[in-house]
């Protein structure tokens, strides 16, 4: 308890059936996290399509077949997770906002 208090963390009891409205990370961090991961995928996918079109000399009639197999996406997705985690860990304000939205703040 002393370690929590020393770090400005106040534990609290959440009654049964009250966890849904009291999920601070769902109210802030998780949304931003998912958006960042989607952006990573979109950027990667666009690069794959552009690369395909450049190889086909810009022929618009050729289809860009992007490899979406798990064996291809798994290592890339791991990189996106690390990138997103690093980026989100700098957003202390976002984490605090989630607790405010859930009403889990105390007046000093």
PDB file of N, CA and C in Angstrom:
ATOM      1  N   UNK A   1       0.824  -1.191   0.000  1.00  0.00           N
ATOM      2  CA  UNK A   1       0.000   0.000   0.000  1.00  0.00           C
ATOM      3  C   UNK A   1       0.870   1.258   0.000  1.00  0.00           C
ATOM      4  N   UNK A   2       1.989   1.194   0.719  1.00  0.00           N
ATOM      5  CA  UNK A   2       2.860   2.366   0.773  1.00  0.00           C
ATOM      6  C   UNK A   2       3.459   2.669  -0.596  1.00  0.00           C
ATOM      7  N   UNK A   3       3.813   1.619  -1.343  1.00  0.00           N
ATOM      8  CA  UNK A   3       4.371   1.812  -2.679  1.00  0.00           C
ATOM      9  C   UNK A   3       3.339   2.454  -3.604  1.00  0.00           C
ATOM     10  N   UNK A   4       2.098   2.004  -3.517  1.00  0.00           N
ATOM     11  CA  UNK A   4       1.036   2.609  -4.320  1.00  0.00           C
ATOM     12  C   UNK A   4       0.872   4.084  -3.963  1.00  0.00           C
ATOM     13  N   UNK A   5       0.782   4.354  -2.671  1.00  0.00           N
ATOM     14  CA  UNK A   5       0.598   5.730  -2.202  1.00  0.00           C
ATOM     15  C   UNK A   5       1.768   6.616  -2.617  1.00  0.00           C
ATOM     16  N   UNK A   6       2.985   6.081  -2.541  1.00  0.00           N
ATOM     17  CA  UNK A   6       4.178   6.843  -2.922  1.00  0.00           C
ATOM     18  C   UNK A   6       4.167   7.215  -4.400  1.00  0.00           C
ATOM     19  N   UNK A   7       3.451   6.425  -5.194  1.00  0.00           N
ATOM     20  CA  UNK A   7       3.368   6.690  -6.630  1.00  0.00           C
ATOM     21  C   UNK A   7       2.054   7.346  -7.037  1.00  0.00           C
ATOM     22  N   UNK A   8       1.326   7.860  -6.060  1.00  0.00           N
ATOM     23  CA  UNK A   8       0.095   8.585  -6.351  1.00  0.00           C
ATOM     24  C   UNK A   8      -1.043   7.694  -6.814  1.00  0.00           C
ATOM     25  N   UNK A   9      -1.022   6.418  -6.404  1.00  0.00           N
ATOM     26  CA  UNK A   9      -2.057   5.469  -6.810  1.00  0.00           C
ATOM     27  C   UNK A   9      -2.929   5.157  -5.604  1.00  0.00           C
ATOM     28  N   UNK A  10      -4.236   5.341  -5.774  1.00  0.00           N
ATOM     29  CA  UNK A  10      -5.179   5.048  -4.710  1.00  0.00           C
ATOM     30  C   UNK A  10      -6.045   3.870  -5.140  1.00  0.00           C
ATOM     31  N   UNK A  11      -5.876   2.704  -4.505  1.00  0.00           N
ATOM     32  CA  UNK A  11      -6.714   1.562  -4.871  1.00  0.00           C
ATOM     33  C   UNK A  11      -8.145   1.791  -4.403  1.00  0.00           C
ATOM     34  N   UNK A  12      -9.107   1.261  -5.153  1.00  0.00           N
ATOM     35  CA  UNK A  12     -10.491   1.378  -4.728  1.00  0.00           C
ATOM     36  C   UNK A  12     -11.250   0.121  -5.081  1.00  0.00           C
ATOM     37  N   UNK A  13     -12.294  -0.135  -4.339  1.00  0.00           N
ATOM     38  CA  UNK A  13     -13.137  -1.302  -4.535  1.00  0.00           C
ATOM     39  C   UNK A  13     -14.197  -0.967  -5.576  1.00  0.00           C
ATOM     40  N   UNK A  14     -14.348  -1.844  -6.562  1.00  0.00           N
ATOM     41  CA  UNK A  14     -15.389  -1.678  -7.579  1.00  0.00           C
ATOM     42  C   UNK A  14     -16.425  -2.769  -7.338  1.00  0.00           C
ATOM     43  N   UNK A  15     -17.664  -2.368  -7.003  1.00  0.00           N
ATOM     44  CA  UNK A  15     -18.709  -3.357  -6.725  1.00  0.00           C
ATOM     45  C   UNK A  15     -19.026  -4.213  -7.950  1.00  0.00           C
ATOM     46  N   UNK A  16     -19.587  -5.376  -7.704  1.00  0.00           N
ATOM     47  CA  UNK A  16     -19.986  -6.274  -8.789  1.00  0.00           C
ATOM     48  C   UNK A  16     -20.961  -5.567  -9.728  1.00  0.00           C
ATOM     49  N   UNK A  17     -20.872  -5.884 -11.000  1.00  0.00           N
ATOM     50  CA  UNK A  17     -21.738  -5.345 -12.059  1.00  0.00           C
ATOM     51  C   UNK A  17     -21.487  -3.864 -12.344  1.00  0.00           C
ATOM     52  N   UNK A  18     -20.401  -3.319 -11.852  1.00  0.00           N
ATOM     53  CA  UNK A  18     -20.078  -1.914 -12.114  1.00  0.00           C
ATOM     54  C   UNK A  18     -18.807  -1.759 -12.936  1.00  0.00           C
ATOM     55  N   UNK A  19     -18.249  -2.857 -13.394  1.00  0.00           N
ATOM     56  CA  UNK A  19     -16.967  -2.746 -14.090  1.00  0.00           C
ATOM     57  C   UNK A  19     -17.094  -2.131 -15.473  1.00  0.00           C
ATOM     58  N   UNK A  20     -18.203  -2.374 -16.184  1.00  0.00           N
ATOM     59  CA  UNK A  20     -18.331  -1.806 -17.534  1.00  0.00           C
ATOM     60  C   UNK A  20     -18.198  -0.290 -17.564  1.00  0.00           C
ATOM     61  N   UNK A  21     -18.956   0.441 -16.747  1.00  0.00           N
ATOM     62  CA  UNK A  21     -18.822   1.906 -16.805  1.00  0.00           C
ATOM     63  C   UNK A  21     -17.557   2.430 -16.132  1.00  0.00           C
ATOM     64  N   UNK A  22     -16.851   1.567 -15.435  1.00  0.00           N
ATOM     65  CA  UNK A  22     -15.659   2.007 -14.712  1.00  0.00           C
ATOM     66  C   UNK A  22     -14.376   1.439 -15.321  1.00  0.00           C
ATOM     67  N   UNK A  23     -14.314   1.385 -16.622  1.00  0.00           N
ATOM     68  CA  UNK A  23     -13.122   0.890 -17.311  1.00  0.00           C
ATOM     69  C   UNK A  23     -12.376   2.077 -17.912  1.00  0.00           C
ATOM     70  N   UNK A  24     -11.499   2.710 -17.153  1.00  0.00           N
ATOM     71  CA  UNK A  24     -10.841   3.924 -17.639  1.00  0.00           C
ATOM     72  C   UNK A  24     -10.023   3.723 -18.909  1.00  0.00           C
ATOM     73  N   UNK A  25      -9.397   2.573 -19.066  1.00  0.00           N
ATOM     74  CA  UNK A  25      -8.586   2.364 -20.264  1.00  0.00           C
ATOM     75  C   UNK A  25      -9.459   2.161 -21.494  1.00  0.00           C
ATOM     76  N   UNK A  26     -10.641   1.555 -21.314  1.00  0.00           N
ATOM     77  CA  UNK A  26     -11.565   1.427 -22.440  1.00  0.00           C
ATOM     78  C   UNK A  26     -12.071   2.790 -22.893  1.00  0.00           C
ATOM     79  N   UNK A  27     -12.153   3.732 -21.977  1.00  0.00           N
ATOM     80  CA  UNK A  27     -12.678   5.057 -22.290  1.00  0.00           C
ATOM     81  C   UNK A  27     -11.661   5.969 -22.956  1.00  0.00           C
ATOM     82  N   UNK A  28     -10.405   5.585 -22.957  1.00  0.00           N
ATOM     83  CA  UNK A  28      -9.404   6.483 -23.539  1.00  0.00           C
ATOM     84  C   UNK A  28      -8.298   5.734 -24.271  1.00  0.00           C
ATOM     85  N   UNK A  29      -7.490   5.013 -23.558  1.00  0.00           N
ATOM     86  CA  UNK A  29      -6.275   4.406 -24.111  1.00  0.00           C
ATOM     87  C   UNK A  29      -6.575   3.370 -25.190  1.00  0.00           C
ATOM     88  N   UNK A  30      -7.489   2.448 -24.927  1.00  0.00           N
ATOM     89  CA  UNK A  30      -7.732   1.367 -25.884  1.00  0.00           C
ATOM     90  C   UNK A  30      -8.195   1.885 -27.236  1.00  0.00           C
ATOM     91  N   UNK A  31      -9.039   2.909 -27.238  1.00  0.00           N
ATOM     92  CA  UNK A  31      -9.496   3.484 -28.505  1.00  0.00           C
ATOM     93  C   UNK A  31      -8.316   4.037 -29.296  1.00  0.00           C
ATOM     94  N   UNK A  32      -7.490   4.837 -28.654  1.00  0.00           N
ATOM     95  CA  UNK A  32      -6.323   5.423 -29.323  1.00  0.00           C
ATOM     96  C   UNK A  32      -5.346   4.341 -29.772  1.00  0.00           C
ATOM     97  N   UNK A  33      -5.182   3.320 -28.947  1.00  0.00           N
ATOM     98  CA  UNK A  33      -4.276   2.212 -29.262  1.00  0.00           C
ATOM     99  C   UNK A  33      -4.734   1.512 -30.542  1.00  0.00           C
ATOM    100  N   UNK A  34      -6.026   1.206 -30.602  1.00  0.00           N
ATOM    101  CA  UNK A  34      -6.575   0.532 -31.784  1.00  0.00           C
ATOM    102  C   UNK A  34      -6.475   1.419 -33.021  1.00  0.00           C
ATOM    103  N   UNK A  35      -6.715   2.707 -32.856  1.00  0.00           N
ATOM    104  CA  UNK A  35      -6.608   3.630 -33.991  1.00  0.00           C
ATOM    105  C   UNK A  35      -5.178   3.662 -34.523  1.00  0.00           C
ATOM    106  N   UNK A  36      -4.205   3.675 -33.628  1.00  0.00           N
ATOM    107  CA  UNK A  36      -2.801   3.703 -34.039  1.00  0.00           C
ATOM    108  C   UNK A  36      -2.432   2.422 -34.783  1.00  0.00           C
ATOM    109  N   UNK A  37      -2.895   1.278 -34.286  1.00  0.00           N
ATOM    110  CA  UNK A  37      -2.622   0.008 -34.973  1.00  0.00           C
ATOM    111  C   UNK A  37      -3.265  -0.018 -36.357  1.00  0.00           C
ATOM    112  N   UNK A  38      -4.486   0.492 -36.461  1.00  0.00           N
ATOM    113  CA  UNK A  38      -5.147   0.563 -37.772  1.00  0.00           C
ATOM    114  C   UNK A  38      -4.352   1.438 -38.724  1.00  0.00           C
ATOM    115  N   UNK A  39      -3.835   2.549 -38.215  1.00  0.00           N
ATOM    116  CA  UNK A  39      -3.046   3.453 -39.056  1.00  0.00           C
ATOM    117  C   UNK A  39      -1.780   2.756 -39.550  1.00  0.00           C
ATOM    118  N   UNK A  40      -1.139   1.993 -38.684  1.00  0.00           N
ATOM    119  CA  UNK A  40       0.052   1.233 -39.092  1.00  0.00           C
ATOM    120  C   UNK A  40      -0.301   0.270 -40.217  1.00  0.00           C
ATOM    121  N   UNK A  41      -1.423  -0.436 -40.064  1.00  0.00           N
ATOM    122  CA  UNK A  41      -1.845  -1.375 -41.110  1.00  0.00           C
ATOM    123  C   UNK A  41      -2.147  -0.641 -42.404  1.00  0.00           C
ATOM    124  N   UNK A  42      -2.879   0.447 -42.339  1.00  0.00           N
ATOM    125  CA  UNK A  42      -3.225   1.214 -43.548  1.00  0.00           C
ATOM    126  C   UNK A  42      -1.974   1.698 -44.264  1.00  0.00           C
ATOM    127  N   UNK A  43      -1.022   2.221 -43.506  1.00  0.00           N
ATOM    128  CA  UNK A  43       0.233   2.701 -44.107  1.00  0.00           C
ATOM    129  C   UNK A  43       0.964   1.562 -44.810  1.00  0.00           C
ATOM    130  N   UNK A  44       1.062   0.423 -44.128  1.00  0.00           N
ATOM    131  CA  UNK A  44       1.744  -0.736 -44.706  1.00  0.00           C
ATOM    132  C   UNK A  44       1.025  -1.217 -45.967  1.00  0.00           C
ATOM    133  N   UNK A  45      -0.295  -1.323 -45.896  1.00  0.00           N
ATOM    134  CA  UNK A  45      -1.084  -1.813 -47.026  1.00  0.00           C
ATOM    135  C   UNK A  45      -0.925  -0.893 -48.232  1.00  0.00           C
ATOM    136  N   UNK A  46      -0.983   0.411 -47.994  1.00  0.00           N
ATOM    137  CA  UNK A  46      -0.798   1.382 -49.089  1.00  0.00           C
ATOM    138  C   UNK A  46       0.575   1.219 -49.736  1.00  0.00           C
ATOM    139  N   UNK A  47       1.598   1.011 -48.922  1.00  0.00           N
ATOM    140  CA  UNK A  47       2.948   0.811 -49.469  1.00  0.00           C
ATOM    141  C   UNK A  47       3.002  -0.444 -50.331  1.00  0.00           C
ATOM    142  N   UNK A  48       2.296  -1.493 -49.906  1.00  0.00           N
ATOM    143  CA  UNK A  48       2.270  -2.732 -50.684  1.00  0.00           C
ATOM    144  C   UNK A  48       1.609  -2.512 -52.041  1.00  0.00           C
ATOM    145  N   UNK A  49       0.502  -1.782 -52.063  1.00  0.00           N
ATOM    146  CA  UNK A  49      -0.211  -1.509 -53.317  1.00  0.00           C
ATOM    147  C   UNK A  49       0.640  -0.640 -54.227  1.00  0.00           C
ATOM    148  N   UNK A  50       1.239   0.406 -53.687  1.00  0.00           N
ATOM    149  CA  UNK A  50       2.093   1.292 -54.489  1.00  0.00           C
ATOM    150  C   UNK A  50       3.266   0.510 -55.064  1.00  0.00           C
ATOM    151  N   UNK A  51       3.873  -0.334 -54.257  1.00  0.00           N
ATOM    152  CA  UNK A  51       4.996  -1.146 -54.729  1.00  0.00           C
ATOM    153  C   UNK A  51       4.564  -2.044 -55.885  1.00  0.00           C
ATOM    154  N   UNK A  52       3.393  -2.643 -55.767  1.00  0.00           N
ATOM    155  CA  UNK A  52       2.873  -3.507 -56.832  1.00  0.00           C
ATOM    156  C   UNK A  52       2.641  -2.710 -58.111  1.00  0.00           C
ATOM    157  N   UNK A  53       2.037  -1.537 -57.975  1.00  0.00           N
ATOM    158  CA  UNK A  53       1.753  -0.709 -59.152  1.00  0.00           C
ATOM    159  C   UNK A  53       3.033  -0.231 -59.820  1.00  0.00           C
ATOM    160  N   UNK A  54       4.044   0.073 -59.028  1.00  0.00           N
ATOM    161  CA  UNK A  54       5.324   0.503 -59.605  1.00  0.00           C
ATOM    162  C   UNK A  54       5.971  -0.628 -60.400  1.00  0.00           C
ATOM    163  N   UNK A  55       5.827  -1.846 -59.928  1.00  0.00           N
ATOM    164  CA  UNK A  55       6.375  -3.001 -60.646  1.00  0.00           C
ATOM    165  C   UNK A  55       5.622  -3.254 -61.947  1.00  0.00           C
ATOM    166  N   UNK A  56       4.359  -2.881 -61.981  1.00  0.00           N
ATOM    167  CA  UNK A  56       3.526  -3.083 -63.173  1.00  0.00           C
ATOM    168  C   UNK A  56       3.489  -1.831 -64.042  1.00  0.00           C
ATOM    169  N   UNK A  57       4.421  -0.932 -63.826  1.00  0.00           N
ATOM    170  CA  UNK A  57       4.502   0.326 -64.576  1.00  0.00           C
ATOM    171  C   UNK A  57       3.211   1.133 -64.499  1.00  0.00           C
ATOM    172  N   UNK A  58       2.552   1.086 -63.365  1.00  0.00           N
ATOM    173  CA  UNK A  58       1.360   1.899 -63.159  1.00  0.00           C
ATOM    174  C   UNK A  58       0.149   1.440 -63.931  1.00  0.00           C
ATOM    175  N   UNK A  59       0.154   0.223 -64.451  1.00  0.00           N
ATOM    176  CA  UNK A  59      -0.993  -0.302 -65.198  1.00  0.00           C
ATOM    177  C   UNK A  59      -2.181  -0.455 -64.246  1.00  0.00           C
ATOM    178  N   UNK A  60      -3.199   0.408 -64.378  1.00  0.00           N
ATOM    179  CA  UNK A  60      -4.328   0.370 -63.446  1.00  0.00           C
ATOM    180  C   UNK A  60      -5.181  -0.890 -63.586  1.00  0.00           C
ATOM    181  N   UNK A  61      -5.036  -1.610 -64.689  1.00  0.00           N
ATOM    182  CA  UNK A  61      -5.852  -2.809 -64.872  1.00  0.00           C
ATOM    183  C   UNK A  61      -5.295  -4.003 -64.100  1.00  0.00           C
ATOM    184  N   UNK A  62      -4.057  -3.891 -63.622  1.00  0.00           N
ATOM    185  CA  UNK A  62      -3.485  -5.008 -62.866  1.00  0.00           C
ATOM    186  C   UNK A  62      -3.944  -4.929 -61.414  1.00  0.00           C
ATOM    187  N   UNK A  63      -4.274  -6.065 -60.864  1.00  0.00           N
ATOM    188  CA  UNK A  63      -4.726  -6.122 -59.467  1.00  0.00           C
ATOM    189  C   UNK A  63      -3.521  -6.237 -58.546  1.00  0.00           C
ATOM    190  N   UNK A  64      -3.587  -5.533 -57.459  1.00  0.00           N
ATOM    191  CA  UNK A  64      -2.526  -5.621 -56.453  1.00  0.00           C
ATOM    192  C   UNK A  64      -2.908  -6.726 -55.476  1.00  0.00           C
ATOM    193  N   UNK A  65      -2.181  -7.806 -55.518  1.00  0.00           N
ATOM    194  CA  UNK A  65      -2.418  -8.912 -54.594  1.00  0.00           C
ATOM    195  C   UNK A  65      -1.498  -8.750 -53.393  1.00  0.00           C
ATOM    196  N   UNK A  66      -2.074  -8.268 -52.308  1.00  0.00           N
ATOM    197  CA  UNK A  66      -1.303  -8.047 -51.084  1.00  0.00           C
ATOM    198  C   UNK A  66      -1.361  -9.318 -50.243  1.00  0.00           C
ATOM    199  N   UNK A  67      -0.209  -9.778 -49.822  1.00  0.00           N
ATOM    200  CA  UNK A  67      -0.100 -11.002 -49.029  1.00  0.00           C
ATOM    201  C   UNK A  67      -0.562 -10.731 -47.598  1.00  0.00           C
ATOM    202  N   UNK A  68      -1.733 -11.244 -47.244  1.00  0.00           N
ATOM    203  CA  UNK A  68      -2.298 -11.035 -45.914  1.00  0.00           C
ATOM    204  C   UNK A  68      -2.263 -12.305 -45.068  1.00  0.00           C
ATOM    205  N   UNK A  69      -1.399 -13.242 -45.446  1.00  0.00           N
ATOM    206  CA  UNK A  69      -1.289 -14.469 -44.656  1.00  0.00           C
ATOM    207  C   UNK A  69      -0.716 -14.152 -43.273  1.00  0.00           C
ATOM    208  N   UNK A  70      -1.095 -14.971 -42.318  1.00  0.00           N
ATOM    209  CA  UNK A  70      -0.612 -14.797 -40.949  1.00  0.00           C
ATOM    210  C   UNK A  70       0.909 -14.819 -40.894  1.00  0.00           C
ATOM    211  N   UNK A  71       1.520 -15.691 -41.683  1.00  0.00           N
ATOM    212  CA  UNK A  71       2.984 -15.793 -41.672  1.00  0.00           C
ATOM    213  C   UNK A  71       3.645 -14.500 -42.136  1.00  0.00           C
ATOM    214  N   UNK A  72       2.947 -13.727 -42.944  1.00  0.00           N
ATOM    215  CA  UNK A  72       3.472 -12.439 -43.398  1.00  0.00           C
ATOM    216  C   UNK A  72       3.183 -11.345 -42.377  1.00  0.00           C
ATOM    217  N   UNK A  73       1.954 -11.331 -41.876  1.00  0.00           N
ATOM    218  CA  UNK A  73       1.526 -10.244 -40.994  1.00  0.00           C
ATOM    219  C   UNK A  73       2.044 -10.352 -39.560  1.00  0.00           C
ATOM    220  N   UNK A  74       2.285 -11.564 -39.093  1.00  0.00           N
ATOM    221  CA  UNK A  74       2.673 -11.745 -37.688  1.00  0.00           C
ATOM    222  C   UNK A  74       3.914 -10.938 -37.299  1.00  0.00           C
ATOM    223  N   UNK A  75       5.031 -11.046 -38.025  1.00  0.00           N
ATOM    224  CA  UNK A  75       6.211 -10.263 -37.618  1.00  0.00           C
ATOM    225  C   UNK A  75       6.016  -8.758 -37.785  1.00  0.00           C
ATOM    226  N   UNK A  76       5.277  -8.368 -38.806  1.00  0.00           N
ATOM    227  CA  UNK A  76       5.017  -6.943 -39.034  1.00  0.00           C
ATOM    228  C   UNK A  76       4.120  -6.405 -37.927  1.00  0.00           C
ATOM    229  N   UNK A  77       3.114  -7.195 -37.559  1.00  0.00           N
ATOM    230  CA  UNK A  77       2.192  -6.784 -36.505  1.00  0.00           C
ATOM    231  C   UNK A  77       2.925  -6.618 -35.180  1.00  0.00           C
ATOM    232  N   UNK A  78       3.892  -7.483 -34.925  1.00  0.00           N
ATOM    233  CA  UNK A  78       4.690  -7.354 -33.700  1.00  0.00           C
ATOM    234  C   UNK A  78       5.417  -6.012 -33.680  1.00  0.00           C
ATOM    235  N   UNK A  79       5.950  -5.597 -34.819  1.00  0.00           N
ATOM    236  CA  UNK A  79       6.611  -4.288 -34.909  1.00  0.00           C
ATOM    237  C   UNK A  79       5.617  -3.165 -34.643  1.00  0.00           C
ATOM    238  N   UNK A  80       4.410  -3.289 -35.196  1.00  0.00           N
ATOM    239  CA  UNK A  80       3.382  -2.263 -34.981  1.00  0.00           C
ATOM    240  C   UNK A  80       3.014  -2.183 -33.503  1.00  0.00           C
ATOM    241  N   UNK A  81       2.901  -3.327 -32.842  1.00  0.00           N
ATOM    242  CA  UNK A  81       2.568  -3.338 -31.417  1.00  0.00           C
ATOM    243  C   UNK A  81       3.635  -2.631 -30.591  1.00  0.00           C
ATOM    244  N   UNK A  82       4.889  -2.914 -30.890  1.00  0.00           N
ATOM    245  CA  UNK A  82       5.987  -2.266 -30.159  1.00  0.00           C
ATOM    246  C   UNK A  82       5.974  -0.763 -30.417  1.00  0.00           C
ATOM    247  N   UNK A  83       5.818  -0.365 -31.674  1.00  0.00           N
ATOM    248  CA  UNK A  83       5.767   1.052 -32.031  1.00  0.00           C
ATOM    249  C   UNK A  83       4.610   1.746 -31.313  1.00  0.00           C
ATOM    250  N   UNK A  84       3.433   1.118 -31.359  1.00  0.00           N
ATOM    251  CA  UNK A  84       2.246   1.711 -30.736  1.00  0.00           C
ATOM    252  C   UNK A  84       2.406   1.786 -29.224  1.00  0.00           C
ATOM    253  N   UNK A  85       2.937   0.745 -28.625  1.00  0.00           N
ATOM    254  CA  UNK A  85       3.152   0.757 -27.175  1.00  0.00           C
ATOM    255  C   UNK A  85       4.108   1.882 -26.778  1.00  0.00           C
ATOM    256  N   UNK A  86       5.196   2.012 -27.513  1.00  0.00           N
ATOM    257  CA  UNK A  86       6.160   3.079 -27.213  1.00  0.00           C
ATOM    258  C   UNK A  86       5.509   4.452 -27.343  1.00  0.00           C
ATOM    259  N   UNK A  87       4.725   4.623 -28.386  1.00  0.00           N
ATOM    260  CA  UNK A  87       4.059   5.911 -28.617  1.00  0.00           C
ATOM    261  C   UNK A  87       3.018   6.194 -27.531  1.00  0.00           C
ATOM    262  N   UNK A  88       2.238   5.178 -27.171  1.00  0.00           N
ATOM    263  CA  UNK A  88       1.184   5.370 -26.180  1.00  0.00           C
ATOM    264  C   UNK A  88       1.751   5.561 -24.773  1.00  0.00           C
ATOM    265  N   UNK A  89       2.904   4.975 -24.487  1.00  0.00           N
ATOM    266  CA  UNK A  89       3.474   5.111 -23.145  1.00  0.00           C
ATOM    267  C   UNK A  89       3.898   6.544 -22.854  1.00  0.00           C
ATOM    268  N   UNK A  90       4.025   7.349 -23.883  1.00  0.00           N
ATOM    269  CA  UNK A  90       4.351   8.765 -23.706  1.00  0.00           C
ATOM    270  C   UNK A  90       3.107   9.600 -23.407  1.00  0.00           C
ATOM    271  N   UNK A  91       1.920   8.997 -23.509  1.00  0.00           N
ATOM    272  CA  UNK A  91       0.654   9.726 -23.380  1.00  0.00           C
ATOM    273  C   UNK A  91       0.044   9.585 -21.985  1.00  0.00           C
ATOM    274  N   UNK A  92       0.758  10.028 -20.983  1.00  0.00           N
ATOM    275  CA  UNK A  92       0.254   9.972 -19.608  1.00  0.00           C
ATOM    276  C   UNK A  92      -1.074  10.730 -19.489  1.00  0.00           C
ATOM    277  N   UNK A  93      -1.197  11.821 -20.227  1.00  0.00           N
ATOM    278  CA  UNK A  93      -2.428  12.614 -20.204  1.00  0.00           C
ATOM    279  C   UNK A  93      -3.628  11.794 -20.661  1.00  0.00           C
ATOM    280  N   UNK A  94      -3.424  10.920 -21.621  1.00  0.00           N
ATOM    281  CA  UNK A  94      -4.500  10.085 -22.139  1.00  0.00           C
ATOM    282  C   UNK A  94      -4.966   9.089 -21.080  1.00  0.00           C
ATOM    283  N   UNK A  95      -4.030   8.519 -20.369  1.00  0.00           N
ATOM    284  CA  UNK A  95      -4.366   7.578 -19.300  1.00  0.00           C
ATOM    285  C   UNK A  95      -5.158   8.299 -18.209  1.00  0.00           C
ATOM    286  N   UNK A  96      -4.705   9.472 -17.826  1.00  0.00           N
ATOM    287  CA  UNK A  96      -5.406  10.244 -16.795  1.00  0.00           C
ATOM    288  C   UNK A  96      -6.803  10.637 -17.260  1.00  0.00           C
ATOM    289  N   UNK A  97      -6.952  10.957 -18.541  1.00  0.00           N
ATOM    290  CA  UNK A  97      -8.261  11.343 -19.078  1.00  0.00           C
ATOM    291  C   UNK A  97      -9.263  10.199 -18.942  1.00  0.00           C
ATOM    292  N   UNK A  98      -8.807   8.976 -19.139  1.00  0.00           N
ATOM    293  CA  UNK A  98      -9.694   7.822 -18.988  1.00  0.00           C
ATOM    294  C   UNK A  98     -10.229   7.698 -17.576  1.00  0.00           C
ATOM    295  N   UNK A  99      -9.373   7.936 -16.593  1.00  0.00           N
ATOM    296  CA  UNK A  99      -9.820   7.875 -15.205  1.00  0.00           C
ATOM    297  C   UNK A  99     -10.804   9.006 -14.898  1.00  0.00           C
ATOM    298  N   UNK A 100     -10.565  10.184 -15.473  1.00  0.00           N
ATOM    299  CA  UNK A 100     -11.512  11.295 -15.278  1.00  0.00           C
ATOM    300  C   UNK A 100     -12.864  10.959 -15.900  1.00  0.00           C
ATOM    301  N   UNK A 101     -12.863  10.401 -17.124  1.00  0.00           N
ATOM    302  CA  UNK A 101     -14.118  10.046 -17.801  1.00  0.00           C
ATOM    303  C   UNK A 101     -14.906   9.006 -17.011  1.00  0.00           C
ATOM    304  N   UNK A 102     -14.191   8.106 -16.344  1.00  0.00           N
ATOM    305  CA  UNK A 102     -14.849   7.068 -15.546  1.00  0.00           C
ATOM    306  C   UNK A 102     -15.256   7.581 -14.168  1.00  0.00           C
ATOM    307  N   UNK A 103     -14.874   8.825 -13.847  1.00  0.00           N
ATOM    308  CA  UNK A 103     -15.202   9.397 -12.543  1.00  0.00           C
ATOM    309  C   UNK A 103     -14.345   8.834 -11.425  1.00  0.00           C
ATOM    310  N   UNK A 104     -13.153   8.379 -11.768  1.00  0.00           N
ATOM    311  CA  UNK A 104     -12.263   7.764 -10.778  1.00  0.00           C
ATOM    312  C   UNK A 104     -11.126   8.697 -10.394  1.00  0.00           C
ATOM    313  N   UNK A 105     -11.452   9.932 -10.100  1.00  0.00           N
ATOM    314  CA  UNK A 105     -10.433  10.890  -9.676  1.00  0.00           C
ATOM    315  C   UNK A 105     -10.805  11.420  -8.300  1.00  0.00           C
ATOM    316  N   UNK A 106      -9.800  11.906  -7.634  1.00  0.00           N
ATOM    317  CA  UNK A 106     -10.000  12.465  -6.307  1.00  0.00           C
ATOM    318  C   UNK A 106      -9.557  13.912  -6.319  1.00  0.00           C
ATOM    319  N   UNK A 107     -10.259  14.735  -5.579  1.00  0.00           N
ATOM    320  CA  UNK A 107      -9.847  16.132  -5.448  1.00  0.00           C
ATOM    321  C   UNK A 107      -8.682  16.199  -4.476  1.00  0.00           C
ATOM    322  N   UNK A 108      -7.692  16.995  -4.848  1.00  0.00           N
ATOM    323  CA  UNK A 108      -6.509  17.105  -3.978  1.00  0.00           C
ATOM    324  C   UNK A 108      -6.723  18.146  -2.917  1.00  0.00           C
TER     325      UNK A 108
END
